[in-house]
N, C-alpha and C. Protein backbone atom coordinates (compact mmCIF):
# COMPACT_ATOMS: atom_id res chain seq x y z
N MET A 1 135.38 102.24 118.04
CA MET A 1 135.68 101.31 116.96
C MET A 1 135.14 101.78 115.62
N ILE A 2 133.97 102.42 115.64
CA ILE A 2 133.35 102.87 114.40
C ILE A 2 134.28 103.83 113.66
N HIS A 3 134.81 104.79 114.39
CA HIS A 3 135.71 105.77 113.77
C HIS A 3 136.95 105.08 113.19
N SER A 4 137.52 104.14 113.93
CA SER A 4 138.74 103.49 113.46
C SER A 4 138.48 102.67 112.20
N VAL A 5 137.33 101.99 112.12
CA VAL A 5 137.00 101.20 110.92
C VAL A 5 136.78 102.11 109.72
N LEU A 6 135.97 103.15 109.90
CA LEU A 6 135.68 104.05 108.78
C LEU A 6 136.93 104.80 108.33
N SER A 7 137.81 105.09 109.26
CA SER A 7 139.08 105.76 108.91
C SER A 7 140.03 104.78 108.22
N GLU A 8 140.08 103.55 108.72
CA GLU A 8 140.94 102.55 108.11
C GLU A 8 140.55 102.26 106.67
N TYR A 9 139.25 102.19 106.43
CA TYR A 9 138.76 101.94 105.07
C TYR A 9 138.71 103.21 104.23
N GLU A 10 139.00 104.33 104.85
CA GLU A 10 139.01 105.62 104.15
C GLU A 10 137.69 105.86 103.42
N VAL A 11 136.59 105.61 104.14
CA VAL A 11 135.27 105.81 103.55
C VAL A 11 135.11 107.28 103.16
N PRO A 12 134.97 107.57 101.87
CA PRO A 12 135.04 108.97 101.42
C PRO A 12 134.01 109.89 102.06
N PHE A 13 132.76 109.47 102.13
CA PHE A 13 131.71 110.34 102.67
C PHE A 13 132.03 110.70 104.12
N TYR A 14 132.42 109.72 104.90
CA TYR A 14 132.74 109.96 106.30
C TYR A 14 133.97 110.86 106.42
N GLY A 15 134.98 110.60 105.62
CA GLY A 15 136.21 111.37 105.69
C GLY A 15 136.04 112.84 105.36
N ALA A 16 135.01 113.16 104.57
CA ALA A 16 134.78 114.55 104.17
C ALA A 16 134.03 115.35 105.23
N LEU A 17 133.52 114.69 106.26
CA LEU A 17 132.77 115.38 107.31
C LEU A 17 133.70 116.06 108.31
N GLY A 18 133.21 117.11 108.94
CA GLY A 18 133.94 117.73 110.04
C GLY A 18 133.74 116.91 111.31
N ASP A 19 134.33 117.37 112.38
CA ASP A 19 134.27 116.62 113.64
C ASP A 19 132.84 116.41 114.12
N GLU A 20 132.02 117.45 114.05
CA GLU A 20 130.63 117.32 114.49
C GLU A 20 129.86 116.34 113.62
N GLY A 21 130.09 116.44 112.31
CA GLY A 21 129.43 115.52 111.39
C GLY A 21 129.86 114.09 111.61
N LYS A 22 131.13 113.87 111.89
CA LYS A 22 131.60 112.51 112.15
C LYS A 22 130.99 111.94 113.42
N GLU A 23 130.84 112.78 114.43
CA GLU A 23 130.21 112.32 115.67
C GLU A 23 128.77 111.89 115.41
N ARG A 24 128.05 112.70 114.64
CA ARG A 24 126.66 112.36 114.32
C ARG A 24 126.59 111.10 113.47
N PHE A 25 127.52 110.96 112.53
CA PHE A 25 127.56 109.77 111.68
C PHE A 25 127.78 108.52 112.53
N GLN A 26 128.73 108.59 113.47
CA GLN A 26 129.00 107.43 114.33
C GLN A 26 127.78 107.07 115.17
N TYR A 27 127.11 108.09 115.69
CA TYR A 27 125.90 107.83 116.48
C TYR A 27 124.86 107.11 115.64
N ARG A 28 124.68 107.55 114.40
CA ARG A 28 123.65 106.94 113.56
C ARG A 28 124.05 105.54 113.12
N VAL A 29 125.33 105.27 112.96
CA VAL A 29 125.77 103.91 112.67
C VAL A 29 125.43 103.00 113.85
N ARG A 30 125.76 103.44 115.05
CA ARG A 30 125.44 102.65 116.24
C ARG A 30 123.93 102.42 116.34
N ASP A 31 123.17 103.47 116.11
CA ASP A 31 121.73 103.38 116.24
C ASP A 31 121.14 102.46 115.18
N TYR A 32 121.69 102.55 113.97
CA TYR A 32 121.18 101.71 112.89
C TYR A 32 121.36 100.22 113.22
N LEU A 33 122.46 99.87 113.83
CA LEU A 33 122.79 98.46 114.08
C LEU A 33 121.95 97.83 115.20
N LYS A 34 121.28 98.66 115.99
CA LYS A 34 120.46 98.11 117.07
C LYS A 34 119.29 97.31 116.49
N GLY A 35 119.19 96.07 116.89
CA GLY A 35 118.06 95.25 116.48
C GLY A 35 118.13 94.68 115.09
N ARG A 36 119.23 94.91 114.37
CA ARG A 36 119.36 94.37 113.02
C ARG A 36 119.92 92.95 113.07
N GLN A 37 119.44 92.12 112.18
CA GLN A 37 120.03 90.80 111.98
C GLN A 37 120.92 90.86 110.74
N ILE A 38 122.18 90.59 110.92
CA ILE A 38 123.11 90.57 109.79
C ILE A 38 123.73 89.18 109.76
N LYS A 39 123.42 88.44 108.72
CA LYS A 39 123.85 87.05 108.62
C LYS A 39 124.84 86.87 107.47
N GLY A 40 125.90 86.14 107.73
CA GLY A 40 126.90 85.88 106.71
C GLY A 40 126.53 84.69 105.86
N PRO A 41 127.33 84.42 104.81
CA PRO A 41 127.09 83.24 103.96
C PRO A 41 127.05 81.98 104.81
N LYS A 42 126.07 81.13 104.55
CA LYS A 42 125.90 79.87 105.29
C LYS A 42 125.79 80.12 106.80
N ALA A 43 125.13 81.23 107.14
CA ALA A 43 124.86 81.59 108.54
C ALA A 43 126.14 81.82 109.34
N GLN A 44 127.23 82.16 108.68
CA GLN A 44 128.47 82.44 109.39
C GLN A 44 128.36 83.75 110.17
N GLU A 45 129.17 83.85 111.21
CA GLU A 45 129.23 85.09 112.00
C GLU A 45 129.82 86.21 111.14
N VAL A 46 129.28 87.40 111.30
CA VAL A 46 129.75 88.54 110.51
C VAL A 46 130.66 89.41 111.38
N GLU A 47 131.81 89.77 110.84
CA GLU A 47 132.77 90.60 111.58
C GLU A 47 132.17 91.97 111.88
N ASP A 48 132.56 92.54 113.01
CA ASP A 48 132.06 93.85 113.40
C ASP A 48 132.38 94.91 112.37
N GLU A 49 133.56 94.84 111.76
CA GLU A 49 133.92 95.88 110.79
C GLU A 49 133.03 95.82 109.56
N VAL A 50 132.60 94.62 109.16
CA VAL A 50 131.69 94.50 108.02
C VAL A 50 130.31 95.06 108.39
N LYS A 51 129.86 94.79 109.61
CA LYS A 51 128.59 95.36 110.06
C LYS A 51 128.64 96.89 110.02
N ILE A 52 129.77 97.45 110.42
CA ILE A 52 129.92 98.90 110.42
C ILE A 52 129.88 99.45 108.99
N LEU A 53 130.50 98.75 108.05
CA LEU A 53 130.49 99.20 106.66
C LEU A 53 129.08 99.12 106.06
N ILE A 54 128.32 98.10 106.45
CA ILE A 54 126.93 98.01 106.01
C ILE A 54 126.13 99.19 106.56
N ALA A 55 126.26 99.42 107.84
CA ALA A 55 125.54 100.53 108.47
C ALA A 55 125.97 101.87 107.88
N ALA A 56 127.25 102.02 107.57
CA ALA A 56 127.75 103.27 106.99
C ALA A 56 127.08 103.55 105.66
N ALA A 57 126.85 102.51 104.86
CA ALA A 57 126.16 102.71 103.57
C ALA A 57 124.73 103.19 103.81
N ALA A 58 124.04 102.56 104.76
CA ALA A 58 122.66 102.96 105.07
C ALA A 58 122.61 104.40 105.56
N VAL A 59 123.53 104.76 106.43
CA VAL A 59 123.56 106.11 107.00
C VAL A 59 123.93 107.15 105.95
N THR A 60 124.86 106.83 105.08
CA THR A 60 125.29 107.78 104.05
C THR A 60 124.12 108.24 103.20
N LEU A 61 123.29 107.30 102.77
CA LEU A 61 122.18 107.64 101.88
C LEU A 61 121.11 108.49 102.54
N THR A 62 121.03 108.46 103.87
CA THR A 62 119.97 109.18 104.57
C THR A 62 120.52 110.21 105.55
N PHE A 63 121.79 110.54 105.44
CA PHE A 63 122.43 111.41 106.42
C PHE A 63 121.84 112.82 106.42
N ALA A 64 121.37 113.29 105.28
CA ALA A 64 120.83 114.65 105.19
C ALA A 64 119.43 114.77 105.76
N VAL A 65 118.77 113.64 105.99
CA VAL A 65 117.45 113.66 106.59
C VAL A 65 117.62 113.60 108.10
N HIS A 66 116.71 114.24 108.82
CA HIS A 66 116.85 114.35 110.27
C HIS A 66 117.11 112.98 110.89
N LYS A 67 116.26 112.01 110.60
CA LYS A 67 116.54 110.62 110.97
C LYS A 67 115.76 109.71 110.04
N PHE A 68 116.30 108.54 109.83
CA PHE A 68 115.66 107.59 108.94
C PHE A 68 116.03 106.20 109.43
N TRP A 69 115.03 105.37 109.72
CA TRP A 69 115.31 104.14 110.45
C TRP A 69 115.27 102.86 109.62
N TYR A 70 114.83 102.92 108.36
CA TYR A 70 114.63 101.69 107.57
C TYR A 70 113.83 100.66 108.39
N PRO A 71 112.62 100.97 108.80
CA PRO A 71 111.89 100.09 109.72
C PRO A 71 111.53 98.73 109.14
N TYR A 72 111.42 98.61 107.81
CA TYR A 72 111.00 97.35 107.22
C TYR A 72 112.16 96.41 106.90
N PHE A 73 113.39 96.88 107.06
CA PHE A 73 114.53 96.09 106.60
C PHE A 73 115.50 95.83 107.74
N ASN A 74 115.12 94.87 108.56
CA ASN A 74 115.93 94.51 109.73
C ASN A 74 116.81 93.30 109.49
N LEU A 75 116.73 92.71 108.31
CA LEU A 75 117.54 91.54 107.98
C LEU A 75 118.43 91.86 106.80
N ILE A 76 119.74 91.71 107.01
CA ILE A 76 120.72 91.92 105.95
C ILE A 76 121.47 90.61 105.76
N LEU A 77 121.48 90.11 104.54
CA LEU A 77 122.14 88.85 104.22
C LEU A 77 123.38 89.12 103.38
N LEU A 78 124.50 88.60 103.81
CA LEU A 78 125.72 88.72 103.04
C LEU A 78 125.88 87.48 102.17
N ARG A 79 126.27 87.68 100.92
CA ARG A 79 126.46 86.58 100.00
C ARG A 79 127.86 86.65 99.39
N GLU A 80 128.40 85.50 99.10
CA GLU A 80 129.68 85.43 98.41
C GLU A 80 129.43 85.37 96.90
N GLY A 81 130.46 85.69 96.15
CA GLY A 81 130.36 85.56 94.71
C GLY A 81 130.06 86.87 94.01
N ASP A 82 129.70 86.75 92.75
CA ASP A 82 129.54 87.89 91.86
C ASP A 82 128.21 88.61 92.12
N TYR A 83 128.28 89.90 92.39
CA TYR A 83 127.08 90.68 92.67
C TYR A 83 126.19 90.78 91.43
N GLY A 84 126.83 90.87 90.27
CA GLY A 84 126.06 90.94 89.03
C GLY A 84 125.19 89.71 88.84
N GLU A 85 125.69 88.55 89.25
CA GLU A 85 124.91 87.33 89.14
C GLU A 85 123.72 87.36 90.10
N LEU A 86 123.92 87.91 91.30
CA LEU A 86 122.81 88.06 92.23
C LEU A 86 121.73 88.95 91.64
N ILE A 87 122.14 90.03 90.98
CA ILE A 87 121.19 90.94 90.36
C ILE A 87 120.43 90.24 89.23
N ARG A 88 121.16 89.50 88.39
CA ARG A 88 120.52 88.83 87.27
C ARG A 88 119.47 87.83 87.75
N LYS A 89 119.79 87.08 88.80
CA LYS A 89 118.83 86.12 89.33
C LYS A 89 117.59 86.82 89.86
N ARG A 90 117.78 87.97 90.50
CA ARG A 90 116.63 88.71 91.02
C ARG A 90 115.70 89.11 89.90
N TYR A 91 116.26 89.67 88.82
CA TYR A 91 115.41 90.16 87.75
C TYR A 91 114.86 89.04 86.89
N GLN A 92 115.56 87.92 86.82
CA GLN A 92 115.01 86.77 86.10
C GLN A 92 113.74 86.27 86.77
N ARG A 93 113.67 86.44 88.10
CA ARG A 93 112.47 86.04 88.84
C ARG A 93 111.50 87.22 89.01
N ASN A 94 111.84 88.33 88.33
CA ASN A 94 111.00 89.53 88.40
C ASN A 94 110.82 90.03 89.82
N GLN A 95 111.87 89.88 90.63
CA GLN A 95 111.81 90.35 92.01
C GLN A 95 112.28 91.80 92.08
N VAL A 96 111.43 92.68 91.61
CA VAL A 96 111.78 94.09 91.63
C VAL A 96 111.46 94.70 92.99
N ARG A 97 110.43 94.19 93.63
CA ARG A 97 110.06 94.71 94.94
C ARG A 97 110.80 93.95 96.03
N MET A 98 111.10 94.65 97.10
CA MET A 98 111.86 94.05 98.19
C MET A 98 110.95 93.15 99.02
N GLN A 99 111.58 92.22 99.75
CA GLN A 99 110.83 91.27 100.56
C GLN A 99 111.23 91.34 102.03
N GLY A 100 111.66 92.49 102.50
CA GLY A 100 112.00 92.65 103.90
C GLY A 100 113.43 92.30 104.25
N ALA A 101 114.22 91.93 103.25
CA ALA A 101 115.63 91.60 103.49
C ALA A 101 116.48 92.27 102.42
N ILE A 102 117.68 92.64 102.80
CA ILE A 102 118.64 93.23 101.88
C ILE A 102 119.78 92.24 101.68
N VAL A 103 120.13 92.00 100.44
CA VAL A 103 121.21 91.05 100.12
C VAL A 103 122.40 91.82 99.56
N ILE A 104 123.56 91.63 100.17
CA ILE A 104 124.76 92.38 99.81
C ILE A 104 125.92 91.43 99.55
N ALA A 105 126.66 91.68 98.49
CA ALA A 105 127.86 90.89 98.18
C ALA A 105 129.00 91.34 99.10
N LYS A 106 129.50 90.43 99.91
CA LYS A 106 130.45 90.78 100.97
C LYS A 106 131.75 91.36 100.43
N GLU A 107 132.39 90.65 99.48
CA GLU A 107 133.69 91.11 98.99
C GLU A 107 133.58 92.46 98.30
N LEU A 108 132.51 92.64 97.53
CA LEU A 108 132.32 93.91 96.82
C LEU A 108 132.07 95.05 97.80
N LEU A 109 131.40 94.76 98.90
CA LEU A 109 131.11 95.79 99.90
C LEU A 109 132.40 96.40 100.44
N THR A 110 133.35 95.57 100.83
CA THR A 110 134.58 96.09 101.42
C THR A 110 135.39 96.89 100.40
N GLU A 111 135.41 96.42 99.16
CA GLU A 111 136.15 97.15 98.12
C GLU A 111 135.48 98.48 97.80
N ALA A 112 134.14 98.44 97.66
CA ALA A 112 133.41 99.65 97.28
C ALA A 112 133.36 100.67 98.40
N SER A 113 133.49 100.23 99.66
CA SER A 113 133.49 101.18 100.77
C SER A 113 134.67 102.13 100.66
N ARG A 114 135.79 101.63 100.14
CA ARG A 114 136.96 102.48 99.94
C ARG A 114 136.86 103.31 98.66
N HIS A 115 136.33 102.69 97.62
CA HIS A 115 136.35 103.34 96.30
C HIS A 115 134.99 103.25 95.62
N PRO A 116 133.97 103.93 96.16
CA PRO A 116 132.64 103.86 95.52
C PRO A 116 132.63 104.49 94.13
N GLU A 117 133.61 105.34 93.85
CA GLU A 117 133.66 105.95 92.52
C GLU A 117 134.20 105.01 91.46
N LYS A 118 134.82 103.91 91.89
CA LYS A 118 135.42 102.96 90.95
C LYS A 118 134.70 101.63 90.89
N VAL A 119 133.99 101.29 91.96
CA VAL A 119 133.34 99.98 92.07
C VAL A 119 131.88 100.17 92.47
N LEU A 120 130.97 99.45 91.83
CA LEU A 120 129.56 99.54 92.18
C LEU A 120 129.38 99.17 93.64
N HIS A 121 128.80 100.06 94.42
CA HIS A 121 128.63 99.85 95.86
C HIS A 121 127.32 99.11 96.10
N PRO A 122 127.38 97.83 96.51
CA PRO A 122 126.13 97.08 96.70
C PRO A 122 125.29 97.63 97.83
N GLY A 123 125.93 98.25 98.84
CA GLY A 123 125.17 98.85 99.93
C GLY A 123 124.36 100.04 99.45
N PHE A 124 124.98 100.93 98.67
CA PHE A 124 124.25 102.07 98.13
C PHE A 124 123.07 101.60 97.28
N HIS A 125 123.33 100.60 96.43
CA HIS A 125 122.28 100.13 95.52
C HIS A 125 121.12 99.51 96.30
N GLU A 126 121.42 98.63 97.24
CA GLU A 126 120.35 97.93 97.95
C GLU A 126 119.60 98.85 98.91
N PHE A 127 120.29 99.73 99.59
CA PHE A 127 119.59 100.63 100.52
C PHE A 127 118.79 101.68 99.76
N ALA A 128 119.19 102.02 98.55
CA ALA A 128 118.37 102.92 97.73
C ALA A 128 117.05 102.24 97.39
N HIS A 129 117.09 100.93 97.10
CA HIS A 129 115.85 100.19 96.88
C HIS A 129 114.98 100.21 98.14
N ALA A 130 115.61 100.07 99.30
CA ALA A 130 114.86 100.08 100.55
C ALA A 130 114.18 101.43 100.78
N ILE A 131 114.89 102.51 100.49
CA ILE A 131 114.31 103.84 100.65
C ILE A 131 113.09 104.00 99.75
N TYR A 132 113.23 103.57 98.51
CA TYR A 132 112.10 103.65 97.58
C TYR A 132 110.92 102.83 98.10
N HIS A 133 111.21 101.61 98.52
CA HIS A 133 110.14 100.72 99.00
C HIS A 133 109.38 101.36 100.16
N GLU A 134 110.08 101.89 101.12
CA GLU A 134 109.43 102.41 102.31
C GLU A 134 108.67 103.70 102.05
N ASN A 135 109.04 104.42 101.00
CA ASN A 135 108.35 105.67 100.69
C ASN A 135 107.31 105.50 99.61
N ALA A 136 107.74 105.10 98.41
CA ALA A 136 106.82 105.03 97.28
C ALA A 136 105.82 103.89 97.42
N ILE A 137 106.21 102.79 98.08
CA ILE A 137 105.33 101.63 98.18
C ILE A 137 104.59 101.61 99.51
N GLU A 138 105.32 101.74 100.60
CA GLU A 138 104.69 101.66 101.93
C GLU A 138 104.14 103.00 102.41
N GLY A 139 104.61 104.10 101.81
CA GLY A 139 104.07 105.41 102.15
C GLY A 139 104.39 105.89 103.54
N GLU A 140 105.60 105.60 104.00
CA GLU A 140 105.97 106.01 105.35
C GLU A 140 106.12 107.53 105.48
N GLY A 141 106.41 108.20 104.40
CA GLY A 141 106.45 109.65 104.43
C GLY A 141 107.73 110.27 104.93
N TYR A 142 108.82 109.52 104.92
CA TYR A 142 110.09 110.10 105.35
C TYR A 142 110.61 111.13 104.35
N MET A 143 110.46 110.83 103.08
CA MET A 143 111.00 111.69 102.04
C MET A 143 109.93 111.89 100.96
N GLU A 144 110.12 112.89 100.15
CA GLU A 144 109.16 113.19 99.09
C GLU A 144 109.45 112.32 97.87
N ILE A 145 109.26 111.02 98.06
CA ILE A 145 109.52 110.06 96.99
C ILE A 145 108.22 109.32 96.71
N THR A 146 107.73 109.43 95.47
CA THR A 146 106.53 108.72 95.07
C THR A 146 106.81 107.98 93.77
N GLU A 147 106.03 106.94 93.52
CA GLU A 147 106.20 106.20 92.26
C GLU A 147 105.90 107.11 91.08
N GLU A 148 104.91 107.96 91.20
CA GLU A 148 104.54 108.87 90.11
C GLU A 148 105.70 109.81 89.79
N ALA A 149 106.32 110.40 90.81
CA ALA A 149 107.42 111.32 90.58
C ALA A 149 108.61 110.60 89.96
N CYS A 150 108.93 109.41 90.45
CA CYS A 150 110.06 108.66 89.91
C CYS A 150 109.80 108.20 88.49
N ARG A 151 108.56 107.83 88.18
CA ARG A 151 108.23 107.44 86.81
C ARG A 151 108.36 108.63 85.86
N GLU A 152 107.93 109.76 86.32
CA GLU A 152 108.04 110.98 85.50
C GLU A 152 109.51 111.29 85.20
N LYS A 153 110.36 111.20 86.22
CA LYS A 153 111.78 111.46 86.02
C LYS A 153 112.42 110.37 85.17
N MET A 154 111.98 109.13 85.34
CA MET A 154 112.51 108.03 84.53
C MET A 154 112.21 108.26 83.05
N ASN A 155 110.98 108.63 82.75
CA ASN A 155 110.59 108.87 81.36
C ASN A 155 111.39 110.01 80.73
N ALA A 156 111.77 110.97 81.57
CA ALA A 156 112.48 112.13 81.04
C ALA A 156 114.00 111.94 81.01
N HIS A 157 114.55 111.15 81.93
CA HIS A 157 116.00 111.15 82.13
C HIS A 157 116.68 109.79 82.12
N ALA A 158 115.94 108.71 81.87
CA ALA A 158 116.56 107.39 81.92
C ALA A 158 117.75 107.27 80.96
N GLY A 159 117.66 107.94 79.82
CA GLY A 159 118.75 107.86 78.84
C GLY A 159 120.06 108.42 79.35
N GLU A 160 119.99 109.35 80.29
CA GLU A 160 121.20 109.96 80.82
C GLU A 160 122.03 108.98 81.65
N LEU A 161 121.40 107.93 82.17
CA LEU A 161 122.11 106.96 82.99
C LEU A 161 123.13 106.16 82.18
N LYS A 162 123.02 106.21 80.86
CA LYS A 162 124.01 105.53 80.02
C LYS A 162 125.41 106.09 80.24
N GLY A 163 125.48 107.31 80.74
CA GLY A 163 126.78 107.92 81.00
C GLY A 163 127.45 107.44 82.26
N PHE A 164 126.73 106.64 83.06
CA PHE A 164 127.27 106.15 84.34
C PHE A 164 127.81 104.74 84.11
N ASP A 165 129.12 104.62 83.95
CA ASP A 165 129.69 103.35 83.50
C ASP A 165 129.78 102.26 84.57
N LEU A 166 129.41 102.57 85.82
CA LEU A 166 129.40 101.53 86.84
C LEU A 166 128.14 100.66 86.76
N LEU A 167 127.14 101.11 86.02
CA LEU A 167 125.91 100.34 85.91
C LEU A 167 126.09 99.18 84.95
N PRO A 168 125.88 97.94 85.43
CA PRO A 168 125.91 96.81 84.50
C PRO A 168 124.70 96.87 83.57
N ALA A 169 124.77 96.12 82.50
CA ALA A 169 123.72 96.18 81.46
C ALA A 169 122.34 95.88 82.04
N GLU A 170 122.27 94.92 82.97
CA GLU A 170 120.97 94.56 83.54
C GLU A 170 120.33 95.74 84.26
N LEU A 171 121.13 96.46 85.03
CA LEU A 171 120.58 97.59 85.78
C LEU A 171 120.24 98.75 84.86
N LEU A 172 121.05 98.96 83.84
CA LEU A 172 120.78 100.05 82.90
C LEU A 172 119.45 99.80 82.18
N GLU A 173 119.24 98.57 81.75
CA GLU A 173 117.99 98.22 81.06
C GLU A 173 116.78 98.42 81.98
N LYS A 174 116.87 97.91 83.21
CA LYS A 174 115.73 98.00 84.12
C LYS A 174 115.50 99.43 84.59
N SER A 175 116.54 100.27 84.52
CA SER A 175 116.39 101.67 84.94
C SER A 175 115.51 102.46 84.00
N GLY A 176 115.27 101.93 82.81
CA GLY A 176 114.36 102.58 81.88
C GLY A 176 112.97 101.98 81.88
N ILE A 177 112.76 100.97 82.75
CA ILE A 177 111.47 100.26 82.81
C ILE A 177 110.79 100.44 84.16
N TYR A 178 111.55 100.29 85.23
CA TYR A 178 111.00 100.32 86.57
C TYR A 178 111.42 101.60 87.31
N PRO A 179 110.45 102.38 87.79
CA PRO A 179 110.80 103.60 88.55
C PRO A 179 111.70 103.30 89.75
N GLN A 180 111.48 102.16 90.40
CA GLN A 180 112.29 101.83 91.56
C GLN A 180 113.76 101.65 91.19
N GLN A 181 114.02 100.95 90.07
CA GLN A 181 115.41 100.75 89.65
C GLN A 181 116.01 102.05 89.14
N PHE A 182 115.19 102.87 88.50
CA PHE A 182 115.68 104.18 88.07
C PHE A 182 116.14 105.00 89.27
N PHE A 183 115.32 105.02 90.32
CA PHE A 183 115.68 105.76 91.52
C PHE A 183 116.96 105.21 92.15
N ALA A 184 117.07 103.88 92.24
CA ALA A 184 118.26 103.27 92.83
C ALA A 184 119.51 103.58 92.03
N SER A 185 119.40 103.57 90.70
CA SER A 185 120.55 103.86 89.85
C SER A 185 120.97 105.32 89.97
N ALA A 186 119.98 106.21 90.05
CA ALA A 186 120.30 107.63 90.21
C ALA A 186 120.97 107.88 91.57
N MET A 187 120.47 107.23 92.62
CA MET A 187 121.08 107.35 93.94
C MET A 187 122.51 106.83 93.93
N LEU A 188 122.72 105.71 93.26
CA LEU A 188 124.04 105.12 93.17
C LEU A 188 125.01 106.10 92.50
N TRP A 189 124.59 106.72 91.42
CA TRP A 189 125.43 107.69 90.72
C TRP A 189 125.71 108.89 91.61
N HIS A 190 124.67 109.39 92.27
CA HIS A 190 124.82 110.57 93.12
C HIS A 190 125.84 110.35 94.23
N PHE A 191 125.76 109.21 94.89
CA PHE A 191 126.64 108.98 96.03
C PHE A 191 128.00 108.40 95.65
N SER A 192 128.12 107.92 94.44
CA SER A 192 129.42 107.40 93.98
C SER A 192 130.26 108.50 93.34
N ARG A 193 129.62 109.29 92.48
CA ARG A 193 130.34 110.34 91.74
C ARG A 193 129.47 111.58 91.65
N PRO A 194 129.29 112.29 92.74
CA PRO A 194 128.37 113.43 92.75
C PRO A 194 128.72 114.53 91.75
N ASP A 195 129.99 114.83 91.58
CA ASP A 195 130.37 115.89 90.63
C ASP A 195 130.05 115.49 89.20
N GLU A 196 130.36 114.25 88.86
CA GLU A 196 130.05 113.74 87.52
C GLU A 196 128.55 113.73 87.28
N PHE A 197 127.80 113.29 88.27
CA PHE A 197 126.34 113.24 88.16
C PHE A 197 125.77 114.63 87.90
N LYS A 198 126.24 115.59 88.66
CA LYS A 198 125.74 116.96 88.53
C LYS A 198 126.07 117.53 87.16
N SER A 199 127.24 117.20 86.65
CA SER A 199 127.66 117.71 85.34
C SER A 199 126.93 117.02 84.19
N ALA A 200 126.78 115.70 84.27
CA ALA A 200 126.20 114.93 83.17
C ALA A 200 124.68 114.98 83.14
N ALA A 201 124.06 115.09 84.32
CA ALA A 201 122.59 115.08 84.40
C ALA A 201 122.14 116.15 85.39
N PRO A 202 122.34 117.43 85.06
CA PRO A 202 122.09 118.50 86.05
C PRO A 202 120.66 118.57 86.56
N GLU A 203 119.68 118.40 85.69
CA GLU A 203 118.28 118.50 86.13
C GLU A 203 117.93 117.34 87.04
N LEU A 204 118.33 116.14 86.66
CA LEU A 204 118.07 114.96 87.49
C LEU A 204 118.81 115.07 88.82
N SER A 205 120.04 115.53 88.76
CA SER A 205 120.84 115.70 89.97
C SER A 205 120.17 116.68 90.94
N ALA A 206 119.67 117.78 90.41
CA ALA A 206 119.03 118.79 91.25
C ALA A 206 117.77 118.23 91.90
N TRP A 207 116.97 117.49 91.12
CA TRP A 207 115.76 116.88 91.68
C TRP A 207 116.11 115.90 92.79
N LEU A 208 117.03 114.99 92.52
CA LEU A 208 117.36 113.98 93.52
C LEU A 208 117.98 114.61 94.76
N ASN A 209 118.83 115.58 94.57
CA ASN A 209 119.45 116.24 95.72
C ASN A 209 118.39 116.91 96.59
N GLY A 210 117.39 117.51 95.96
CA GLY A 210 116.31 118.13 96.73
C GLY A 210 115.49 117.10 97.48
N VAL A 211 115.25 115.96 96.86
CA VAL A 211 114.45 114.91 97.48
C VAL A 211 115.14 114.33 98.71
N ILE A 212 116.44 114.13 98.62
CA ILE A 212 117.14 113.42 99.70
C ILE A 212 117.75 114.35 100.75
N THR A 213 117.52 115.64 100.63
CA THR A 213 118.05 116.55 101.65
C THR A 213 116.95 117.27 102.41
N ILE A 214 115.74 116.77 102.31
CA ILE A 214 114.64 117.36 103.07
C ILE A 214 114.83 117.05 104.55
N GLN A 215 114.85 118.06 105.37
CA GLN A 215 114.99 117.87 106.81
C GLN A 215 113.60 117.59 107.37
N LYS A 216 113.30 116.33 107.55
CA LYS A 216 111.95 115.93 107.91
C LYS A 216 111.97 114.92 109.05
N GLN A 217 111.03 115.03 109.95
CA GLN A 217 110.98 114.14 111.10
C GLN A 217 109.88 113.12 110.88
N SER A 218 110.20 111.83 111.06
CA SER A 218 109.22 110.79 110.81
C SER A 218 108.48 110.41 112.08
N ASN A 219 107.42 109.65 111.91
CA ASN A 219 106.65 109.17 113.05
C ASN A 219 107.42 108.14 113.87
N HIS A 220 108.45 107.53 113.26
CA HIS A 220 109.22 106.49 113.93
C HIS A 220 110.36 107.06 114.77
N GLU A 221 110.51 108.36 114.73
CA GLU A 221 111.72 108.95 115.29
C GLU A 221 111.75 108.97 116.82
N LYS A 222 112.94 108.86 117.35
CA LYS A 222 113.15 108.98 118.80
C LYS A 222 113.76 110.35 119.08
N ALA A 223 113.53 110.84 120.25
CA ALA A 223 114.02 112.18 120.59
C ALA A 223 115.32 112.12 121.37
N THR A 224 116.15 111.16 121.03
CA THR A 224 117.42 111.03 121.75
C THR A 224 118.58 111.12 120.80
N GLY A 225 119.75 111.44 121.36
CA GLY A 225 120.97 111.43 120.57
C GLY A 225 121.15 112.70 119.77
N PRO A 226 122.37 112.91 119.28
CA PRO A 226 122.67 114.12 118.50
C PRO A 226 122.02 114.08 117.14
N HIS A 227 121.64 115.25 116.63
CA HIS A 227 121.11 115.32 115.28
C HIS A 227 121.30 116.72 114.73
């Protein structure tokens, strides 16, 4: 079913993989979904295809790493309505740090899964925050991501994010203030439009690409399945 859903939605990252890569991607989607709570608006049941699209976003961002489990984020909440409004409410309450749950706009997720280059992908954005939280804040050590390194890059390159037109004003502003939001915005650009990112912000692109492609084994890892 995973292959049929990702093929039906024409998920670009998955479609660009060879047969071996697709097999590994499917395995990691299945593995990611084990033990996760995914709740729909008003506690509605969530369709399997939506669960797969959520997992695909999580797997895409960490596919180059040997394995990455997102151990602190086992609850995913789907919300209806405008994703920009969800973001504005978060920052109005100064909720820059995550609280163990990821909130994703359902309608935007399905649209962005097909066209991440045209529509802000809420999965990419939220899971990038989760990656930052688990590394820079919790210090799990999966990737070479620290608050100090992200702040340094933010101070040097935040202005370049103005060239990424999928960023709403709220995210662009916070990307120059908070290292976590800067990292999430850079990840969003990288996975939505990698060629544009590399051309418009080559130094930042090179740094981020190096950070997220480290082949590293975490303490949480299991020794099963293809990798």
